[in-house]
Amino acid sequence: MLGKVFIAMAGGALGYVLGAKAGRERYEQILDQARRVRRDPRVRQTASRAAEGVKDVAQKATEQAKDKIADAGPSQPSQDPPEPGSGAHLDRGGQDE
């Protein structure tokens, strides 16, 4: 019985090592492919154009937001928050306990 357990453990360890090695090799293949794609001039050019497009859209959106804010006019003046320790946040006539 002990021999069967040892064989099962050895088989499991061998499977783990071979699987890890195969997994690492596949990882290296995927990484190499990704590096080649990233270096491709067509990919670089497309990414550059996309980044410029995003910048343009962001700038236009910012300008539109500023225009909308300006069109809305001045907002109601906000009240300054109460001074710490003033008790103004209490509903008891502003008295701290």
PDB file of N, CA and C in Angstrom:
ATOM      1  N   MET A   1       0.822  -1.197   0.000  1.00  0.00           N
ATOM      2  CA  MET A   1       0.000   0.000   0.000  1.00  0.00           C
ATOM      3  C   MET A   1       0.858   1.249   0.000  1.00  0.00           C
ATOM      4  N   LEU A   2       1.921   1.244   0.789  1.00  0.00           N
ATOM      5  CA  LEU A   2       2.794   2.396   0.871  1.00  0.00           C
ATOM      6  C   LEU A   2       3.451   2.658  -0.501  1.00  0.00           C
ATOM      7  N   GLY A   3       3.723   1.584  -1.218  1.00  0.00           N
ATOM      8  CA  GLY A   3       4.322   1.722  -2.550  1.00  0.00           C
ATOM      9  C   GLY A   3       3.380   2.422  -3.519  1.00  0.00           C
ATOM     10  N   LYS A   4       2.087   2.130  -3.420  1.00  0.00           N
ATOM     11  CA  LYS A   4       1.108   2.773  -4.293  1.00  0.00           C
ATOM     12  C   LYS A   4       0.986   4.261  -3.975  1.00  0.00           C
ATOM     13  N   VAL A   5       1.036   4.606  -2.712  1.00  0.00           N
ATOM     14  CA  VAL A   5       0.958   6.005  -2.303  1.00  0.00           C
ATOM     15  C   VAL A   5       2.187   6.755  -2.823  1.00  0.00           C
ATOM     16  N   PHE A   6       3.361   6.117  -2.694  1.00  0.00           N
ATOM     17  CA  PHE A   6       4.595   6.742  -3.177  1.00  0.00           C
ATOM     18  C   PHE A   6       4.539   6.959  -4.689  1.00  0.00           C
ATOM     19  N   ILE A   7       4.058   5.969  -5.426  1.00  0.00           N
ATOM     20  CA  ILE A   7       3.950   6.080  -6.879  1.00  0.00           C
ATOM     21  C   ILE A   7       2.971   7.191  -7.251  1.00  0.00           C
ATOM     22  N   ALA A   8       1.859   7.280  -6.540  1.00  0.00           N
ATOM     23  CA  ALA A   8       0.871   8.328  -6.807  1.00  0.00           C
ATOM     24  C   ALA A   8       1.468   9.703  -6.527  1.00  0.00           C
ATOM     25  N   MET A   9       2.202   9.831  -5.428  1.00  0.00           N
ATOM     26  CA  MET A   9       2.831  11.112  -5.101  1.00  0.00           C
ATOM     27  C   MET A   9       3.904  11.474  -6.126  1.00  0.00           C
ATOM     28  N   ALA A  10       4.696  10.509  -6.537  1.00  0.00           N
ATOM     29  CA  ALA A  10       5.742  10.767  -7.530  1.00  0.00           C
ATOM     30  C   ALA A  10       5.110  11.154  -8.859  1.00  0.00           C
ATOM     31  N   GLY A  11       4.041  10.491  -9.220  1.00  0.00           N
ATOM     32  CA  GLY A  11       3.341  10.841 -10.459  1.00  0.00           C
ATOM     33  C   GLY A  11       2.759  12.237 -10.393  1.00  0.00           C
ATOM     34  N   GLY A  12       2.192  12.581  -9.246  1.00  0.00           N
ATOM     35  CA  GLY A  12       1.645  13.927  -9.062  1.00  0.00           C
ATOM     36  C   GLY A  12       2.738  14.982  -9.147  1.00  0.00           C
ATOM     37  N   ALA A  13       3.869  14.724  -8.526  1.00  0.00           N
ATOM     38  CA  ALA A  13       4.985  15.681  -8.560  1.00  0.00           C
ATOM     39  C   ALA A  13       5.510  15.836  -9.984  1.00  0.00           C
ATOM     40  N   LEU A  14       5.641  14.724 -10.697  1.00  0.00           N
ATOM     41  CA  LEU A  14       6.117  14.787 -12.084  1.00  0.00           C
ATOM     42  C   LEU A  14       5.133  15.563 -12.954  1.00  0.00           C
ATOM     43  N   GLY A  15       3.855  15.314 -12.767  1.00  0.00           N
ATOM     44  CA  GLY A  15       2.831  16.046 -13.522  1.00  0.00           C
ATOM     45  C   GLY A  15       2.872  17.538 -13.225  1.00  0.00           C
ATOM     46  N   TYR A  16       3.096  17.867 -11.969  1.00  0.00           N
ATOM     47  CA  TYR A  16       3.175  19.284 -11.578  1.00  0.00           C
ATOM     48  C   TYR A  16       4.372  19.957 -12.257  1.00  0.00           C
ATOM     49  N   VAL A  17       5.516  19.310 -12.200  1.00  0.00           N
ATOM     50  CA  VAL A  17       6.735  19.889 -12.788  1.00  0.00           C
ATOM     51  C   VAL A  17       6.565  20.050 -14.296  1.00  0.00           C
ATOM     52  N   LEU A  18       6.076  19.024 -14.964  1.00  0.00           N
ATOM     53  CA  LEU A  18       5.894  19.110 -16.412  1.00  0.00           C
ATOM     54  C   LEU A  18       4.839  20.146 -16.777  1.00  0.00           C
ATOM     55  N   GLY A  19       3.783  20.214 -16.003  1.00  0.00           N
ATOM     56  CA  GLY A  19       2.735  21.209 -16.254  1.00  0.00           C
ATOM     57  C   GLY A  19       3.243  22.622 -16.047  1.00  0.00           C
ATOM     58  N   ALA A  20       4.031  22.815 -15.000  1.00  0.00           N
ATOM     59  CA  ALA A  20       4.585  24.143 -14.732  1.00  0.00           C
ATOM     60  C   ALA A  20       5.535  24.555 -15.850  1.00  0.00           C
ATOM     61  N   LYS A  21       6.336  23.620 -16.323  1.00  0.00           N
ATOM     62  CA  LYS A  21       7.273  23.922 -17.408  1.00  0.00           C
ATOM     63  C   LYS A  21       6.504  24.259 -18.685  1.00  0.00           C
ATOM     64  N   ALA A  22       5.479  23.495 -18.995  1.00  0.00           N
ATOM     65  CA  ALA A  22       4.679  23.759 -20.189  1.00  0.00           C
ATOM     66  C   ALA A  22       3.966  25.100 -20.051  1.00  0.00           C
ATOM     67  N   GLY A  23       3.470  25.378 -18.852  1.00  0.00           N
ATOM     68  CA  GLY A  23       2.795  26.648 -18.618  1.00  0.00           C
ATOM     69  C   GLY A  23       3.740  27.822 -18.779  1.00  0.00           C
ATOM     70  N   ARG A  24       4.961  27.673 -18.294  1.00  0.00           N
ATOM     71  CA  ARG A  24       5.960  28.740 -18.407  1.00  0.00           C
ATOM     72  C   ARG A  24       6.341  28.950 -19.872  1.00  0.00           C
ATOM     73  N   GLU A  25       6.483  27.872 -20.619  1.00  0.00           N
ATOM     74  CA  GLU A  25       6.818  27.991 -22.042  1.00  0.00           C
ATOM     75  C   GLU A  25       5.705  28.709 -22.803  1.00  0.00           C
ATOM     76  N   ARG A  26       4.469  28.365 -22.507  1.00  0.00           N
ATOM     77  CA  ARG A  26       3.341  29.016 -23.176  1.00  0.00           C
ATOM     78  C   ARG A  26       3.281  30.493 -22.789  1.00  0.00           C
ATOM     79  N   TYR A  27       3.541  30.795 -21.524  1.00  0.00           N
ATOM     80  CA  TYR A  27       3.579  32.176 -21.067  1.00  0.00           C
ATOM     81  C   TYR A  27       4.646  32.959 -21.840  1.00  0.00           C
ATOM     82  N   GLU A  28       5.809  32.371 -21.992  1.00  0.00           N
ATOM     83  CA  GLU A  28       6.888  33.038 -22.733  1.00  0.00           C
ATOM     84  C   GLU A  28       6.491  33.256 -24.200  1.00  0.00           C
ATOM     85  N   GLN A  29       5.788  32.293 -24.804  1.00  0.00           N
ATOM     86  CA  GLN A  29       5.322  32.458 -26.184  1.00  0.00           C
ATOM     87  C   GLN A  29       4.351  33.632 -26.295  1.00  0.00           C
ATOM     88  N   ILE A  30       3.405  33.706 -25.363  1.00  0.00           N
ATOM     89  CA  ILE A  30       2.415  34.781 -25.390  1.00  0.00           C
ATOM     90  C   ILE A  30       3.099  36.127 -25.166  1.00  0.00           C
ATOM     91  N   LEU A  31       4.035  36.184 -24.235  1.00  0.00           N
ATOM     92  CA  LEU A  31       4.770  37.417 -23.952  1.00  0.00           C
ATOM     93  C   LEU A  31       5.573  37.863 -25.175  1.00  0.00           C
ATOM     94  N   ASP A  32       6.229  36.928 -25.835  1.00  0.00           N
ATOM     95  CA  ASP A  32       7.003  37.249 -27.040  1.00  0.00           C
ATOM     96  C   ASP A  32       6.093  37.788 -28.146  1.00  0.00           C
ATOM     97  N   GLN A  33       4.943  37.161 -28.327  1.00  0.00           N
ATOM     98  CA  GLN A  33       3.994  37.626 -29.339  1.00  0.00           C
ATOM     99  C   GLN A  33       3.498  39.034 -29.013  1.00  0.00           C
ATOM    100  N   ALA A  34       3.207  39.284 -27.751  1.00  0.00           N
ATOM    101  CA  ALA A  34       2.738  40.613 -27.346  1.00  0.00           C
ATOM    102  C   ALA A  34       3.816  41.663 -27.602  1.00  0.00           C
ATOM    103  N   ARG A  35       5.052  41.334 -27.331  1.00  0.00           N
ATOM    104  CA  ARG A  35       6.152  42.276 -27.599  1.00  0.00           C
ATOM    105  C   ARG A  35       6.272  42.568 -29.087  1.00  0.00           C
ATOM    106  N   ARG A  36       6.132  41.537 -29.926  1.00  0.00           N
ATOM    107  CA  ARG A  36       6.209  41.760 -31.370  1.00  0.00           C
ATOM    108  C   ARG A  36       5.073  42.650 -31.861  1.00  0.00           C
ATOM    109  N   VAL A  37       3.884  42.418 -31.339  1.00  0.00           N
ATOM    110  CA  VAL A  37       2.732  43.238 -31.738  1.00  0.00           C
ATOM    111  C   VAL A  37       2.955  44.679 -31.308  1.00  0.00           C
ATOM    112  N   ARG A  38       3.435  44.871 -30.084  1.00  0.00           N
ATOM    113  CA  ARG A  38       3.650  46.212 -29.565  1.00  0.00           C
ATOM    114  C   ARG A  38       4.706  46.974 -30.375  1.00  0.00           C
ATOM    115  N   ARG A  39       5.680  46.280 -30.923  1.00  0.00           N
ATOM    116  CA  ARG A  39       6.730  46.934 -31.718  1.00  0.00           C
ATOM    117  C   ARG A  39       6.309  47.202 -33.163  1.00  0.00           C
ATOM    118  N   ASP A  40       5.235  46.597 -33.613  1.00  0.00           N
ATOM    119  CA  ASP A  40       4.792  46.753 -35.006  1.00  0.00           C
ATOM    120  C   ASP A  40       4.461  48.223 -35.269  1.00  0.00           C
ATOM    121  N   PRO A  41       5.043  48.826 -36.318  1.00  0.00           N
ATOM    122  CA  PRO A  41       4.800  50.240 -36.611  1.00  0.00           C
ATOM    123  C   PRO A  41       3.321  50.553 -36.849  1.00  0.00           C
ATOM    124  N   ARG A  42       2.592  49.624 -37.424  1.00  0.00           N
ATOM    125  CA  ARG A  42       1.156  49.862 -37.656  1.00  0.00           C
ATOM    126  C   ARG A  42       0.406  49.984 -36.340  1.00  0.00           C
ATOM    127  N   VAL A  43       0.767  49.142 -35.384  1.00  0.00           N
ATOM    128  CA  VAL A  43       0.120  49.190 -34.079  1.00  0.00           C
ATOM    129  C   VAL A  43       0.481  50.492 -33.374  1.00  0.00           C
ATOM    130  N   ARG A  44       1.756  50.871 -33.444  1.00  0.00           N
ATOM    131  CA  ARG A  44       2.198  52.122 -32.807  1.00  0.00           C
ATOM    132  C   ARG A  44       1.466  53.321 -33.409  1.00  0.00           C
ATOM    133  N   GLN A  45       1.332  53.336 -34.740  1.00  0.00           N
ATOM    134  CA  GLN A  45       0.665  54.450 -35.410  1.00  0.00           C
ATOM    135  C   GLN A  45      -0.818  54.515 -35.014  1.00  0.00           C
ATOM    136  N   THR A  46      -1.460  53.378 -34.993  1.00  0.00           N
ATOM    137  CA  THR A  46      -2.876  53.334 -34.612  1.00  0.00           C
ATOM    138  C   THR A  46      -3.062  53.777 -33.164  1.00  0.00           C
ATOM    139  N   ALA A  47      -2.185  53.332 -32.280  1.00  0.00           N
ATOM    140  CA  ALA A  47      -2.281  53.733 -30.880  1.00  0.00           C
ATOM    141  C   ALA A  47      -2.059  55.229 -30.725  1.00  0.00           C
ATOM    142  N   SER A  48      -1.134  55.774 -31.496  1.00  0.00           N
ATOM    143  CA  SER A  48      -0.867  57.212 -31.436  1.00  0.00           C
ATOM    144  C   SER A  48      -2.082  58.012 -31.910  1.00  0.00           C
ATOM    145  N   ARG A  49      -2.679  57.560 -33.011  1.00  0.00           N
ATOM    146  CA  ARG A  49      -3.877  58.247 -33.506  1.00  0.00           C
ATOM    147  C   ARG A  49      -5.022  58.166 -32.504  1.00  0.00           C
ATOM    148  N   ALA A  50      -5.169  57.016 -31.873  1.00  0.00           N
ATOM    149  CA  ALA A  50      -6.230  56.850 -30.872  1.00  0.00           C
ATOM    150  C   ALA A  50      -5.992  57.782 -29.685  1.00  0.00           C
ATOM    151  N   ALA A  51      -4.747  57.898 -29.252  1.00  0.00           N
ATOM    152  CA  ALA A  51      -4.438  58.787 -28.124  1.00  0.00           C
ATOM    153  C   ALA A  51      -4.732  60.239 -28.483  1.00  0.00           C
ATOM    154  N   GLU A  52      -4.401  60.642 -29.686  1.00  0.00           N
ATOM    155  CA  GLU A  52      -4.693  62.011 -30.126  1.00  0.00           C
ATOM    156  C   GLU A  52      -6.202  62.248 -30.172  1.00  0.00           C
ATOM    157  N   GLY A  53      -6.936  61.251 -30.650  1.00  0.00           N
ATOM    158  CA  GLY A  53      -8.395  61.367 -30.705  1.00  0.00           C
ATOM    159  C   GLY A  53      -8.991  61.525 -29.321  1.00  0.00           C
ATOM    160  N   VAL A  54      -8.476  60.771 -28.376  1.00  0.00           N
ATOM    161  CA  VAL A  54      -8.967  60.856 -27.003  1.00  0.00           C
ATOM    162  C   VAL A  54      -8.670  62.243 -26.435  1.00  0.00           C
ATOM    163  N   LYS A  55      -7.470  62.756 -26.704  1.00  0.00           N
ATOM    164  CA  LYS A  55      -7.119  64.105 -26.226  1.00  0.00           C
ATOM    165  C   LYS A  55      -8.074  65.147 -26.805  1.00  0.00           C
ATOM    166  N   ASP A  56      -8.359  65.034 -28.105  1.00  0.00           N
ATOM    167  CA  ASP A  56      -9.271  65.992 -28.743  1.00  0.00           C
ATOM    168  C   ASP A  56     -10.664  65.935 -28.121  1.00  0.00           C
ATOM    169  N   VAL A  57     -11.172  64.738 -27.935  1.00  0.00           N
ATOM    170  CA  VAL A  57     -12.508  64.576 -27.359  1.00  0.00           C
ATOM    171  C   VAL A  57     -12.537  65.114 -25.930  1.00  0.00           C
ATOM    172  N   ALA A  58     -11.497  64.850 -25.166  1.00  0.00           N
ATOM    173  CA  ALA A  58     -11.447  65.331 -23.782  1.00  0.00           C
ATOM    174  C   ALA A  58     -11.412  66.854 -23.747  1.00  0.00           C
ATOM    175  N   GLN A  59     -10.648  67.449 -24.643  1.00  0.00           N
ATOM    176  CA  GLN A  59     -10.569  68.910 -24.667  1.00  0.00           C
ATOM    177  C   GLN A  59     -11.927  69.518 -25.054  1.00  0.00           C
ATOM    178  N   LYS A  60     -12.590  68.936 -26.048  1.00  0.00           N
ATOM    179  CA  LYS A  60     -13.903  69.441 -26.452  1.00  0.00           C
ATOM    180  C   LYS A  60     -14.911  69.293 -25.321  1.00  0.00           C
ATOM    181  N   ALA A  61     -14.858  68.168 -24.632  1.00  0.00           N
ATOM    182  CA  ALA A  61     -15.783  67.948 -23.514  1.00  0.00           C
ATOM    183  C   ALA A  61     -15.532  68.957 -22.397  1.00  0.00           C
ATOM    184  N   THR A  62     -14.269  69.248 -22.150  1.00  0.00           N
ATOM    185  CA  THR A  62     -13.936  70.242 -21.124  1.00  0.00           C
ATOM    186  C   THR A  62     -14.471  71.610 -21.506  1.00  0.00           C
ATOM    187  N   GLU A  63     -14.280  71.971 -22.763  1.00  0.00           N
ATOM    188  CA  GLU A  63     -14.777  73.269 -23.232  1.00  0.00           C
ATOM    189  C   GLU A  63     -16.302  73.342 -23.134  1.00  0.00           C
ATOM    190  N   GLN A  64     -16.985  72.284 -23.520  1.00  0.00           N
ATOM    191  CA  GLN A  64     -18.444  72.262 -23.438  1.00  0.00           C
ATOM    192  C   GLN A  64     -18.909  72.367 -21.990  1.00  0.00           C
ATOM    193  N   ALA A  65     -18.218  71.692 -21.089  1.00  0.00           N
ATOM    194  CA  ALA A  65     -18.593  71.756 -19.676  1.00  0.00           C
ATOM    195  C   ALA A  65     -18.407  73.174 -19.144  1.00  0.00           C
ATOM    196  N   LYS A  66     -17.309  73.814 -19.522  1.00  0.00           N
ATOM    197  CA  LYS A  66     -17.075  75.194 -19.084  1.00  0.00           C
ATOM    198  C   LYS A  66     -18.162  76.121 -19.624  1.00  0.00           C
ATOM    199  N   ASP A  67     -18.542  75.920 -20.885  1.00  0.00           N
ATOM    200  CA  ASP A  67     -19.602  76.743 -21.475  1.00  0.00           C
ATOM    201  C   ASP A  67     -20.925  76.543 -20.739  1.00  0.00           C
ATOM    202  N   LYS A  68     -21.249  75.300 -20.409  1.00  0.00           N
ATOM    203  CA  LYS A  68     -22.500  75.016 -19.693  1.00  0.00           C
ATOM    204  C   LYS A  68     -22.483  75.672 -18.316  1.00  0.00           C
ATOM    205  N   ILE A  69     -21.364  75.626 -17.660  1.00  0.00           N
ATOM    206  CA  ILE A  69     -21.261  76.239 -16.334  1.00  0.00           C
ATOM    207  C   ILE A  69     -21.420  77.752 -16.454  1.00  0.00           C
ATOM    208  N   ALA A  70     -20.780  78.321 -17.462  1.00  0.00           N
ATOM    209  CA  ALA A  70     -20.885  79.768 -17.653  1.00  0.00           C
ATOM    210  C   ALA A  70     -22.320  80.164 -17.997  1.00  0.00           C
ATOM    211  N   ASP A  71     -23.006  79.362 -18.812  1.00  0.00           N
ATOM    212  CA  ASP A  71     -24.389  79.651 -19.192  1.00  0.00           C
ATOM    213  C   ASP A  71     -25.341  79.545 -17.995  1.00  0.00           C
ATOM    214  N   ALA A  72     -24.996  78.712 -17.025  1.00  0.00           N
ATOM    215  CA  ALA A  72     -25.863  78.517 -15.863  1.00  0.00           C
ATOM    216  C   ALA A  72     -25.854  79.743 -14.963  1.00  0.00           C
ATOM    217  N   GLY A  73     -24.874  80.574 -15.099  1.00  0.00           N
ATOM    218  CA  GLY A  73     -24.818  81.783 -14.285  1.00  0.00           C
ATOM    219  C   GLY A  73     -24.229  81.510 -12.926  1.00  0.00           C
ATOM    220  N   PRO A  74     -24.162  82.567 -12.122  1.00  0.00           N
ATOM    221  CA  PRO A  74     -23.564  82.392 -10.795  1.00  0.00           C
ATOM    222  C   PRO A  74     -24.452  81.530  -9.912  1.00  0.00           C
ATOM    223  N   SER A  75     -23.842  80.770  -9.078  1.00  0.00           N
ATOM    224  CA  SER A  75     -24.599  79.915  -8.169  1.00  0.00           C
ATOM    225  C   SER A  75     -24.934  80.695  -6.912  1.00  0.00           C
ATOM    226  N   GLN A  76     -25.799  80.130  -6.106  1.00  0.00           N
ATOM    227  CA  GLN A  76     -26.154  80.757  -4.840  1.00  0.00           C
ATOM    228  C   GLN A  76     -24.911  80.782  -3.958  1.00  0.00           C
ATOM    229  N   PRO A  77     -24.706  81.868  -3.252  1.00  0.00           N
ATOM    230  CA  PRO A  77     -23.531  81.894  -2.378  1.00  0.00           C
ATOM    231  C   PRO A  77     -23.654  80.810  -1.312  1.00  0.00           C
ATOM    232  N   SER A  78     -22.588  80.110  -1.103  1.00  0.00           N
ATOM    233  CA  SER A  78     -22.627  79.048  -0.103  1.00  0.00           C
ATOM    234  C   SER A  78     -22.266  79.632   1.249  1.00  0.00           C
ATOM    235  N   GLN A  79     -22.785  78.998   2.265  1.00  0.00           N
ATOM    236  CA  GLN A  79     -22.453  79.433   3.613  1.00  0.00           C
ATOM    237  C   GLN A  79     -21.168  78.755   4.034  1.00  0.00           C
ATOM    238  N   ASP A  80     -20.364  79.496   4.748  1.00  0.00           N
ATOM    239  CA  ASP A  80     -19.150  78.897   5.266  1.00  0.00           C
ATOM    240  C   ASP A  80     -19.526  77.871   6.321  1.00  0.00           C
ATOM    241  N   PRO A  81     -18.755  76.808   6.431  1.00  0.00           N
ATOM    242  CA  PRO A  81     -19.054  75.813   7.465  1.00  0.00           C
ATOM    243  C   PRO A  81     -18.846  76.435   8.841  1.00  0.00           C
ATOM    244  N   PRO A  82     -19.560  75.935   9.846  1.00  0.00           N
ATOM    245  CA  PRO A  82     -19.419  76.496  11.194  1.00  0.00           C
ATOM    246  C   PRO A  82     -17.996  76.295  11.714  1.00  0.00           C
ATOM    247  N   GLU A  83     -17.573  77.204  12.546  1.00  0.00           N
ATOM    248  CA  GLU A  83     -16.264  77.102  13.174  1.00  0.00           C
ATOM    249  C   GLU A  83     -16.256  75.895  14.107  1.00  0.00           C
ATOM    250  N   PRO A  84     -15.156  75.161  14.153  1.00  0.00           N
ATOM    251  CA  PRO A  84     -15.079  74.046  15.097  1.00  0.00           C
ATOM    252  C   PRO A  84     -15.251  74.564  16.527  1.00  0.00           C
ATOM    253  N   GLY A  85     -16.046  73.866  17.288  1.00  0.00           N
ATOM    254  CA  GLY A  85     -16.261  74.233  18.677  1.00  0.00           C
ATOM    255  C   GLY A  85     -17.299  75.320  18.881  1.00  0.00           C
ATOM    256  N   SER A  86     -17.869  75.852  17.776  1.00  0.00           N
ATOM    257  CA  SER A  86     -18.843  76.930  17.923  1.00  0.00           C
ATOM    258  C   SER A  86     -20.205  76.401  18.329  1.00  0.00           C
ATOM    259  N   GLY A  87     -20.443  75.141  18.096  1.00  0.00           N
ATOM    260  CA  GLY A  87     -21.731  74.565  18.438  1.00  0.00           C
ATOM    261  C   GLY A  87     -22.814  74.898  17.430  1.00  0.00           C
ATOM    262  N   ALA A  88     -22.475  75.546  16.323  1.00  0.00           N
ATOM    263  CA  ALA A  88     -23.474  75.941  15.331  1.00  0.00           C
ATOM    264  C   ALA A  88     -24.138  74.739  14.680  1.00  0.00           C
ATOM    265  N   HIS A  89     -23.529  73.588  14.794  1.00  0.00           N
ATOM    266  CA  HIS A  89     -24.099  72.380  14.196  1.00  0.00           C
ATOM    267  C   HIS A  89     -25.169  71.758  15.086  1.00  0.00           C
ATOM    268  N   LEU A  90     -25.301  72.237  16.299  1.00  0.00           N
ATOM    269  CA  LEU A  90     -26.269  71.665  17.230  1.00  0.00           C
ATOM    270  C   LEU A  90     -27.621  72.342  17.076  1.00  0.00           C
ATOM    271  N   ASP A  91     -28.673  71.640  17.378  1.00  0.00           N
ATOM    272  CA  ASP A  91     -30.034  72.182  17.298  1.00  0.00           C
ATOM    273  C   ASP A  91     -30.453  72.806  18.623  1.00  0.00           C
ATOM    274  N   ARG A  92     -29.543  73.125  19.502  1.00  0.00           N
ATOM    275  CA  ARG A  92     -29.873  73.651  20.827  1.00  0.00           C
ATOM    276  C   ARG A  92     -29.502  75.130  20.943  1.00  0.00           C
ATOM    277  N   GLY A  93     -29.741  75.870  19.895  1.00  0.00           N
ATOM    278  CA  GLY A  93     -29.454  77.284  19.969  1.00  0.00           C
ATOM    279  C   GLY A  93     -27.983  77.616  19.907  1.00  0.00           C
ATOM    280  N   GLY A  94     -27.188  76.704  19.351  1.00  0.00           N
ATOM    281  CA  GLY A  94     -25.777  76.983  19.170  1.00  0.00           C
ATOM    282  C   GLY A  94     -24.936  76.839  20.403  1.00  0.00           C
ATOM    283  N   GLN A  95     -25.422  76.192  21.433  1.00  0.00           N
ATOM    284  CA  GLN A  95     -24.651  76.036  22.673  1.00  0.00           C
ATOM    285  C   GLN A  95     -24.005  74.668  22.709  1.00  0.00           C
ATOM    286  N   ASP A  96     -22.720  74.649  22.981  1.00  0.00           N
ATOM    287  CA  ASP A  96     -22.020  73.383  23.207  1.00  0.00           C
ATOM    288  C   ASP A  96     -22.308  72.925  24.626  1.00  0.00           C
ATOM    289  N   GLU A  97     -22.288  71.639  24.822  1.00  0.00           N
ATOM    290  CA  GLU A  97     -22.497  71.127  26.187  1.00  0.00           C
ATOM    291  C   GLU A  97     -21.191  70.908  26.862  1.00  0.00           C
TER     292      GLU A  97
END
